[in-house]
N, C-alpha and C. Protein backbone atom coordinates (compact mmCIF):
# COMPACT_ATOMS: atom_id res chain seq x y z
N MET A 1 97.97 95.77 110.36
CA MET A 1 98.53 95.97 109.03
C MET A 1 97.80 97.14 108.39
N ALA A 2 98.55 97.99 107.76
CA ALA A 2 97.99 99.18 107.12
C ALA A 2 97.18 98.79 105.87
N HIS A 3 96.32 99.68 105.48
CA HIS A 3 95.52 99.49 104.27
C HIS A 3 96.46 99.38 103.06
N PRO A 4 96.12 98.52 102.09
CA PRO A 4 96.98 98.34 100.91
C PRO A 4 97.29 99.65 100.16
N ALA A 5 96.35 100.57 100.11
CA ALA A 5 96.61 101.85 99.43
C ALA A 5 97.67 102.66 100.16
N VAL A 6 97.64 102.62 101.49
CA VAL A 6 98.65 103.31 102.29
C VAL A 6 100.01 102.65 102.08
N LEU A 7 100.03 101.33 102.10
CA LEU A 7 101.28 100.61 101.87
C LEU A 7 101.85 100.92 100.50
N ALA A 8 100.99 100.98 99.49
CA ALA A 8 101.45 101.28 98.13
C ALA A 8 102.11 102.65 98.07
N ARG A 9 101.50 103.63 98.73
CA ARG A 9 102.07 104.97 98.75
C ARG A 9 103.41 105.00 99.46
N LEU A 10 103.50 104.31 100.59
CA LEU A 10 104.75 104.26 101.34
C LEU A 10 105.86 103.57 100.55
N VAL A 11 105.54 102.44 99.91
CA VAL A 11 106.53 101.72 99.12
C VAL A 11 107.00 102.59 97.96
N GLU A 12 106.06 103.22 97.28
CA GLU A 12 106.41 104.07 96.14
C GLU A 12 107.33 105.22 96.58
N GLU A 13 106.99 105.86 97.69
CA GLU A 13 107.82 106.97 98.17
C GLU A 13 109.19 106.47 98.63
N TYR A 14 109.22 105.33 99.32
CA TYR A 14 110.50 104.77 99.75
C TYR A 14 111.40 104.50 98.55
N GLU A 15 110.85 103.88 97.52
CA GLU A 15 111.64 103.57 96.33
C GLU A 15 112.15 104.83 95.66
N MET A 16 111.32 105.86 95.59
CA MET A 16 111.73 107.12 94.98
C MET A 16 112.85 107.78 95.78
N VAL A 17 112.69 107.85 97.08
CA VAL A 17 113.69 108.49 97.93
C VAL A 17 114.99 107.70 97.91
N SER A 18 114.91 106.38 97.95
CA SER A 18 116.14 105.58 97.97
C SER A 18 116.86 105.66 96.62
N ARG A 19 116.12 105.82 95.52
CA ARG A 19 116.75 105.96 94.20
C ARG A 19 117.45 107.30 94.05
N THR A 20 116.91 108.34 94.67
CA THR A 20 117.49 109.68 94.51
C THR A 20 118.72 109.89 95.37
N GLY A 21 119.07 108.89 96.14
CA GLY A 21 120.30 108.98 96.92
C GLY A 21 120.09 109.51 98.32
N ALA A 22 119.47 108.73 99.14
CA ALA A 22 119.20 109.15 100.52
C ALA A 22 120.47 109.23 101.34
N GLY A 23 121.51 108.56 100.90
CA GLY A 23 122.78 108.63 101.63
C GLY A 23 123.53 109.89 101.26
N GLY A 24 124.65 110.09 101.89
CA GLY A 24 125.49 111.22 101.54
C GLY A 24 125.08 112.51 102.20
N ARG A 25 125.19 113.59 101.44
CA ARG A 25 125.05 114.94 102.02
C ARG A 25 123.62 115.45 102.05
N ARG A 26 122.68 114.73 101.54
CA ARG A 26 121.29 115.21 101.48
C ARG A 26 120.55 114.81 102.75
N GLU A 27 120.75 115.57 103.78
CA GLU A 27 120.18 115.25 105.10
C GLU A 27 118.65 115.11 105.07
N PRO A 28 117.92 116.02 104.43
CA PRO A 28 116.45 115.85 104.43
C PRO A 28 116.01 114.54 103.76
N LEU A 29 116.67 114.15 102.69
CA LEU A 29 116.31 112.89 102.03
C LEU A 29 116.68 111.69 102.90
N ARG A 30 117.83 111.75 103.54
CA ARG A 30 118.25 110.66 104.42
C ARG A 30 117.26 110.50 105.56
N GLN A 31 116.85 111.61 106.14
CA GLN A 31 115.89 111.56 107.25
C GLN A 31 114.55 111.03 106.78
N ARG A 32 114.10 111.46 105.60
CA ARG A 32 112.83 110.96 105.08
C ARG A 32 112.90 109.46 104.82
N CYS A 33 114.03 109.00 104.30
CA CYS A 33 114.21 107.57 104.06
C CYS A 33 114.13 106.79 105.38
N GLU A 34 114.79 107.29 106.40
CA GLU A 34 114.72 106.64 107.72
C GLU A 34 113.29 106.62 108.24
N ASP A 35 112.57 107.71 108.07
CA ASP A 35 111.17 107.78 108.50
C ASP A 35 110.31 106.76 107.75
N LEU A 36 110.54 106.63 106.45
CA LEU A 36 109.78 105.67 105.65
C LEU A 36 110.09 104.24 106.05
N VAL A 37 111.37 103.95 106.32
CA VAL A 37 111.75 102.61 106.76
C VAL A 37 111.03 102.28 108.06
N TYR A 38 111.06 103.21 109.00
CA TYR A 38 110.40 103.00 110.29
C TYR A 38 108.90 102.78 110.10
N THR A 39 108.26 103.63 109.30
CA THR A 39 106.81 103.54 109.09
C THR A 39 106.43 102.24 108.40
N LEU A 40 107.20 101.84 107.39
CA LEU A 40 106.92 100.57 106.72
C LEU A 40 107.08 99.39 107.67
N CYS A 41 108.11 99.41 108.49
CA CYS A 41 108.31 98.32 109.44
C CYS A 41 107.17 98.24 110.45
N VAL A 42 106.79 99.38 110.99
CA VAL A 42 105.69 99.39 111.96
C VAL A 42 104.39 98.96 111.29
N SER A 43 104.15 99.45 110.09
CA SER A 43 102.91 99.15 109.37
C SER A 43 102.78 97.69 108.97
N THR A 44 103.91 97.01 108.84
CA THR A 44 103.87 95.61 108.40
C THR A 44 104.25 94.64 109.52
N GLY A 45 104.61 95.15 110.68
CA GLY A 45 104.98 94.28 111.80
C GLY A 45 106.31 93.58 111.58
N THR A 46 107.22 94.24 110.89
CA THR A 46 108.53 93.66 110.62
C THR A 46 109.63 94.50 111.27
N ARG A 47 110.88 94.02 111.14
CA ARG A 47 111.98 94.72 111.78
C ARG A 47 113.05 95.24 110.82
N ASP A 48 112.94 94.92 109.53
CA ASP A 48 113.91 95.46 108.58
C ASP A 48 113.20 95.78 107.27
N ILE A 49 113.83 96.64 106.48
CA ILE A 49 113.16 97.15 105.29
C ILE A 49 112.89 96.06 104.26
N ASP A 50 113.78 95.11 104.11
CA ASP A 50 113.53 94.04 103.13
C ASP A 50 112.28 93.24 103.49
N ALA A 51 112.15 92.90 104.76
CA ALA A 51 110.96 92.17 105.21
C ALA A 51 109.72 93.05 105.09
N ALA A 52 109.85 94.34 105.39
CA ALA A 52 108.72 95.25 105.31
C ALA A 52 108.24 95.39 103.87
N LEU A 53 109.17 95.54 102.93
CA LEU A 53 108.79 95.66 101.53
C LEU A 53 108.12 94.38 101.04
N ALA A 54 108.66 93.23 101.42
CA ALA A 54 108.06 91.96 101.02
C ALA A 54 106.65 91.82 101.59
N ALA A 55 106.48 92.15 102.85
CA ALA A 55 105.16 92.04 103.48
C ALA A 55 104.17 93.03 102.85
N ALA A 56 104.62 94.23 102.57
CA ALA A 56 103.75 95.24 101.96
C ALA A 56 103.32 94.79 100.57
N ARG A 57 104.27 94.30 99.79
CA ARG A 57 103.94 93.85 98.43
C ARG A 57 102.99 92.64 98.46
N GLU A 58 103.20 91.76 99.41
CA GLU A 58 102.30 90.61 99.55
C GLU A 58 100.89 91.06 99.89
N ARG A 59 100.78 92.00 100.81
CA ARG A 59 99.47 92.53 101.21
C ARG A 59 98.79 93.24 100.05
N MET A 60 99.57 94.02 99.28
CA MET A 60 99.00 94.73 98.13
C MET A 60 98.54 93.74 97.06
N ALA A 61 99.32 92.70 96.81
CA ALA A 61 98.95 91.69 95.82
C ALA A 61 97.69 90.95 96.25
N ALA A 62 97.60 90.61 97.53
CA ALA A 62 96.42 89.91 98.03
C ALA A 62 95.18 90.79 97.89
N ALA A 63 95.32 92.07 98.18
CA ALA A 63 94.19 92.99 98.05
C ALA A 63 93.79 93.14 96.59
N TRP A 64 94.76 93.18 95.70
CA TRP A 64 94.48 93.28 94.26
C TRP A 64 93.71 92.05 93.79
N LEU A 65 94.13 90.87 94.25
CA LEU A 65 93.45 89.63 93.87
C LEU A 65 92.00 89.63 94.34
N VAL A 66 91.78 90.07 95.56
CA VAL A 66 90.42 90.13 96.10
C VAL A 66 89.59 91.10 95.27
N ASP A 67 90.16 92.25 94.92
CA ASP A 67 89.44 93.24 94.11
C ASP A 67 89.10 92.70 92.74
N THR A 68 90.05 92.04 92.10
CA THR A 68 89.80 91.54 90.74
C THR A 68 88.85 90.35 90.75
N GLU A 69 88.95 89.50 91.75
CA GLU A 69 88.03 88.36 91.85
C GLU A 69 86.62 88.86 92.14
N GLY A 70 86.54 89.87 93.00
CA GLY A 70 85.22 90.42 93.35
C GLY A 70 84.57 91.09 92.17
N SER A 71 85.34 91.85 91.41
CA SER A 71 84.75 92.54 90.25
C SER A 71 84.48 91.56 89.11
N GLY A 72 85.27 90.50 89.01
CA GLY A 72 85.03 89.49 87.97
C GLY A 72 83.77 88.69 88.26
N ALA A 73 83.52 88.44 89.52
CA ALA A 73 82.33 87.64 89.89
C ALA A 73 81.05 88.44 89.65
N ALA A 74 81.15 89.76 89.79
CA ALA A 74 79.96 90.59 89.62
C ALA A 74 79.63 90.84 88.15
N ALA A 75 80.60 90.66 87.28
CA ALA A 75 80.38 90.97 85.86
C ALA A 75 79.61 89.90 85.15
């Protein structure tokens, strides 16, 4: 599983590209969207984008909890 910061960047870019209209006549955007889907799936060990996004968000949330619990315990 990829580092949470890497997953966050991939999810953010995927959402941006998919919002700008990866379908249709914009070949570079469509290709980038396909690349992001593939990378997210490989990075999360899943086979479709919905599962990849869910797994990435779960991993990011878990990492955030560990960070906040760790910093709260030290304070």
